[in-house]
C-alpha cells in the first residue's frame, strides 16, 4: 500500500512481514530466521528433517504390519 505521496508506509524495522503482528508471530519469526541462516544451517536442518520423516515412516510401517487386514467390507446402516 502507498499513500498519496507515493511513498510506502513504514513497516516493522524487523522486516519479516512488515507488520507489527509479525514481531510476535512464531511462523514469521521462524521464516525470517531461516532466510537469514547460512547455507550450512539449512543443509543441517534439511538432513535432520529427512531423519525425522524416515523415523515417522518406520513407525507407520510397523503399525501397518501389526494391523489386521479386513476380510470384507461390512455395510453399516445409517438412519
N, C-alpha and C. Protein backbone atom coordinates (compact mmCIF):
# COMPACT_ATOMS: atom_id res chain seq x y z
N UNK A 1 0.83 -1.17 0.00
CA UNK A 1 0.00 0.00 0.00
C UNK A 1 0.88 1.23 0.00
N UNK A 2 0.42 2.27 -0.64
CA UNK A 2 1.16 3.52 -0.60
C UNK A 2 0.19 4.65 -0.33
N UNK A 3 0.74 5.74 0.22
CA UNK A 3 -0.12 6.87 0.49
C UNK A 3 -0.15 7.79 -0.72
N UNK A 4 -0.73 8.97 -0.60
CA UNK A 4 -0.89 9.87 -1.74
C UNK A 4 0.43 10.47 -2.21
N UNK A 5 1.47 10.42 -1.40
CA UNK A 5 2.76 10.96 -1.81
C UNK A 5 3.57 9.95 -2.62
N UNK A 6 3.08 8.73 -2.72
CA UNK A 6 3.78 7.71 -3.48
C UNK A 6 4.78 6.94 -2.65
N UNK A 7 4.91 7.27 -1.37
CA UNK A 7 5.83 6.55 -0.51
C UNK A 7 5.12 5.36 0.13
N UNK A 8 5.88 4.31 0.36
CA UNK A 8 5.32 3.14 1.03
C UNK A 8 5.27 3.41 2.52
N UNK A 9 4.23 2.92 3.21
CA UNK A 9 4.17 3.13 4.66
C UNK A 9 5.31 2.41 5.36
N UNK A 10 5.74 2.98 6.46
CA UNK A 10 6.82 2.35 7.21
C UNK A 10 6.28 1.14 7.93
N UNK A 11 6.99 0.05 7.80
CA UNK A 11 6.60 -1.18 8.48
C UNK A 11 7.53 -1.44 9.63
N UNK A 12 7.62 -2.64 10.00
CA UNK A 12 8.47 -3.04 11.10
C UNK A 12 9.93 -2.96 10.66
N UNK A 13 10.81 -2.46 11.52
CA UNK A 13 12.22 -2.46 11.17
C UNK A 13 12.79 -3.88 11.16
N UNK A 14 12.05 -4.82 11.73
CA UNK A 14 12.49 -6.22 11.78
C UNK A 14 12.37 -6.89 10.41
N UNK A 15 11.45 -6.48 9.59
CA UNK A 15 11.20 -6.88 8.21
C UNK A 15 10.82 -8.34 7.99
N UNK A 16 10.22 -9.10 8.90
CA UNK A 16 9.72 -10.39 8.49
C UNK A 16 8.51 -10.26 7.59
N UNK A 17 7.53 -9.45 7.98
CA UNK A 17 6.34 -9.32 7.18
C UNK A 17 5.86 -7.90 7.14
N UNK A 18 6.65 -6.97 7.60
CA UNK A 18 6.34 -5.53 7.60
C UNK A 18 5.13 -5.17 8.43
N UNK A 19 4.72 -6.01 9.34
CA UNK A 19 3.58 -5.69 10.20
C UNK A 19 3.94 -5.90 11.65
N UNK A 20 3.31 -5.16 12.54
CA UNK A 20 3.63 -5.33 13.96
C UNK A 20 3.29 -6.71 14.50
N UNK A 21 2.26 -7.35 13.92
CA UNK A 21 1.92 -8.69 14.39
C UNK A 21 2.98 -9.71 14.01
N UNK A 22 3.78 -9.42 12.99
CA UNK A 22 4.84 -10.35 12.58
C UNK A 22 5.97 -10.40 13.60
N UNK A 23 6.03 -9.42 14.49
CA UNK A 23 7.07 -9.43 15.51
C UNK A 23 6.82 -10.49 16.57
N UNK A 24 5.58 -10.94 16.70
CA UNK A 24 5.25 -11.96 17.69
C UNK A 24 4.77 -13.27 17.06
N UNK A 25 4.60 -13.29 15.77
CA UNK A 25 4.13 -14.50 15.09
C UNK A 25 5.28 -15.51 15.00
N UNK A 26 5.13 -16.70 15.59
CA UNK A 26 6.22 -17.67 15.55
C UNK A 26 6.56 -18.14 14.14
N UNK A 27 5.56 -18.20 13.27
CA UNK A 27 5.82 -18.62 11.89
C UNK A 27 6.67 -17.58 11.17
N UNK A 28 6.30 -16.32 11.31
CA UNK A 28 7.07 -15.25 10.66
C UNK A 28 8.49 -15.19 11.19
N UNK A 29 8.64 -15.34 12.50
CA UNK A 29 9.97 -15.30 13.09
C UNK A 29 10.83 -16.46 12.61
N UNK A 30 10.22 -17.66 12.49
CA UNK A 30 10.97 -18.81 12.02
C UNK A 30 11.40 -18.62 10.56
N UNK A 31 10.47 -18.16 9.72
CA UNK A 31 10.80 -17.94 8.32
C UNK A 31 11.87 -16.86 8.16
N UNK A 32 11.78 -15.81 8.97
CA UNK A 32 12.80 -14.77 8.91
C UNK A 32 14.16 -15.33 9.32
N UNK A 33 14.17 -16.14 10.37
CA UNK A 33 15.43 -16.75 10.81
C UNK A 33 16.02 -17.67 9.76
N UNK A 34 15.16 -18.43 9.08
CA UNK A 34 15.67 -19.32 8.03
C UNK A 34 16.21 -18.53 6.83
N UNK A 35 15.59 -17.41 6.51
CA UNK A 35 16.09 -16.59 5.40
C UNK A 35 17.46 -16.02 5.71
N UNK A 36 17.73 -15.77 6.99
CA UNK A 36 19.00 -15.16 7.38
C UNK A 36 20.08 -16.21 7.68
N UNK A 37 19.72 -17.49 7.66
CA UNK A 37 20.66 -18.55 8.04
C UNK A 37 21.68 -18.81 6.93
N UNK A 38 22.82 -19.29 7.36
CA UNK A 38 23.87 -19.67 6.42
C UNK A 38 23.48 -20.97 5.72
N UNK A 39 24.03 -21.24 4.55
CA UNK A 39 23.69 -22.47 3.81
C UNK A 39 23.98 -23.74 4.61
N UNK A 40 25.01 -23.72 5.46
CA UNK A 40 25.33 -24.90 6.25
C UNK A 40 24.20 -25.23 7.23
N UNK A 41 23.58 -24.19 7.77
CA UNK A 41 22.47 -24.39 8.71
C UNK A 41 21.28 -25.00 7.98
N UNK A 42 20.99 -24.47 6.81
CA UNK A 42 19.87 -25.01 6.01
C UNK A 42 20.13 -26.46 5.65
N UNK A 43 21.35 -26.79 5.28
CA UNK A 43 21.69 -28.17 4.94
C UNK A 43 21.50 -29.09 6.15
N UNK A 44 21.95 -28.64 7.31
CA UNK A 44 21.81 -29.44 8.53
C UNK A 44 20.33 -29.64 8.87
N UNK A 45 19.52 -28.59 8.77
CA UNK A 45 18.09 -28.71 9.04
C UNK A 45 17.41 -29.64 8.04
N UNK A 46 17.84 -29.60 6.80
CA UNK A 46 17.26 -30.49 5.78
C UNK A 46 17.55 -31.95 6.11
N UNK A 47 18.79 -32.22 6.52
CA UNK A 47 19.15 -33.59 6.88
C UNK A 47 18.39 -34.05 8.13
N UNK A 48 18.26 -33.17 9.11
CA UNK A 48 17.53 -33.53 10.32
C UNK A 48 16.05 -33.79 10.01
N UNK A 49 15.48 -32.98 9.14
CA UNK A 49 14.08 -33.18 8.74
C UNK A 49 13.90 -34.51 8.04
N UNK A 50 14.86 -34.87 7.19
CA UNK A 50 14.78 -36.16 6.49
C UNK A 50 14.85 -37.32 7.48
N UNK A 51 15.70 -37.20 8.50
CA UNK A 51 15.80 -38.26 9.51
C UNK A 51 14.50 -38.39 10.30
N UNK A 52 13.87 -37.27 10.63
CA UNK A 52 12.60 -37.31 11.35
C UNK A 52 11.53 -37.99 10.49
N UNK A 53 11.48 -37.63 9.21
CA UNK A 53 10.49 -38.23 8.32
C UNK A 53 10.72 -39.73 8.16
N UNK A 54 11.98 -40.16 8.10
CA UNK A 54 12.27 -41.59 8.00
C UNK A 54 11.86 -42.32 9.28
N UNK A 55 12.04 -41.68 10.43
CA UNK A 55 11.62 -42.29 11.69
C UNK A 55 10.09 -42.42 11.74
N UNK A 56 9.38 -41.40 11.30
CA UNK A 56 7.91 -41.46 11.26
C UNK A 56 7.46 -42.55 10.30
N UNK A 57 8.11 -42.65 9.17
CA UNK A 57 7.78 -43.70 8.19
C UNK A 57 7.98 -45.08 8.80
N UNK A 58 9.05 -45.28 9.55
CA UNK A 58 9.31 -46.57 10.18
C UNK A 58 8.21 -46.91 11.18
N UNK A 59 7.76 -45.93 11.96
CA UNK A 59 6.69 -46.16 12.93
C UNK A 59 5.39 -46.52 12.21
N UNK A 60 5.08 -45.80 11.15
CA UNK A 60 3.85 -46.07 10.40
C UNK A 60 3.92 -47.44 9.74
N UNK A 61 5.07 -47.80 9.18
CA UNK A 61 5.22 -49.12 8.56
C UNK A 61 5.05 -50.24 9.58
N UNK A 62 5.61 -50.04 10.78
CA UNK A 62 5.48 -51.04 11.83
C UNK A 62 4.02 -51.18 12.26
N UNK A 63 3.31 -50.08 12.38
CA UNK A 63 1.89 -50.14 12.75
C UNK A 63 1.08 -50.82 11.66
N UNK A 64 1.45 -50.59 10.40
CA UNK A 64 0.72 -51.21 9.29
C UNK A 64 0.95 -52.72 9.27
N UNK A 65 2.13 -53.18 9.67
CA UNK A 65 2.40 -54.61 9.70
C UNK A 65 1.57 -55.30 10.79
N UNK A 66 1.37 -54.61 11.91
CA UNK A 66 0.62 -55.20 13.03
C UNK A 66 -0.88 -55.15 12.82
N UNK A 67 -1.35 -54.29 11.95
CA UNK A 67 -2.79 -54.14 11.73
C UNK A 67 -3.33 -55.38 11.03
N UNK A 68 -4.53 -55.78 11.45
CA UNK A 68 -5.15 -56.94 10.83
C UNK A 68 -5.86 -56.52 9.55
N UNK A 69 -5.66 -57.26 8.49
CA UNK A 69 -6.37 -56.92 7.25
C UNK A 69 -7.86 -57.26 7.37
N UNK A 70 -8.69 -56.48 6.72
CA UNK A 70 -10.12 -56.74 6.72
C UNK A 70 -10.44 -57.86 5.74
N UNK A 71 -11.33 -58.79 6.18
CA UNK A 71 -11.72 -59.88 5.30
C UNK A 71 -12.67 -59.38 4.22
N UNK A 72 -13.58 -58.52 4.63
CA UNK A 72 -14.53 -57.99 3.66
C UNK A 72 -15.08 -56.67 4.20
N UNK A 73 -15.79 -56.01 3.36
CA UNK A 73 -16.43 -54.77 3.77
C UNK A 73 -17.78 -55.08 4.40
N UNK A 74 -18.15 -54.31 5.39
CA UNK A 74 -19.44 -54.50 6.05
C UNK A 74 -20.26 -53.23 5.90
N UNK A 75 -21.52 -53.43 5.60
CA UNK A 75 -22.43 -52.30 5.47
C UNK A 75 -22.87 -51.86 6.85
N UNK A 76 -22.80 -50.58 7.10
CA UNK A 76 -23.24 -50.02 8.37
C UNK A 76 -24.48 -49.20 8.09
N UNK A 77 -25.64 -49.60 8.63
CA UNK A 77 -26.86 -48.86 8.36
C UNK A 77 -26.84 -47.51 9.09
N UNK A 78 -27.21 -46.47 8.35
CA UNK A 78 -27.27 -45.12 8.88
C UNK A 78 -28.71 -44.64 8.73
N UNK A 79 -29.29 -44.15 9.82
CA UNK A 79 -30.69 -43.71 9.77
C UNK A 79 -30.80 -42.25 9.56
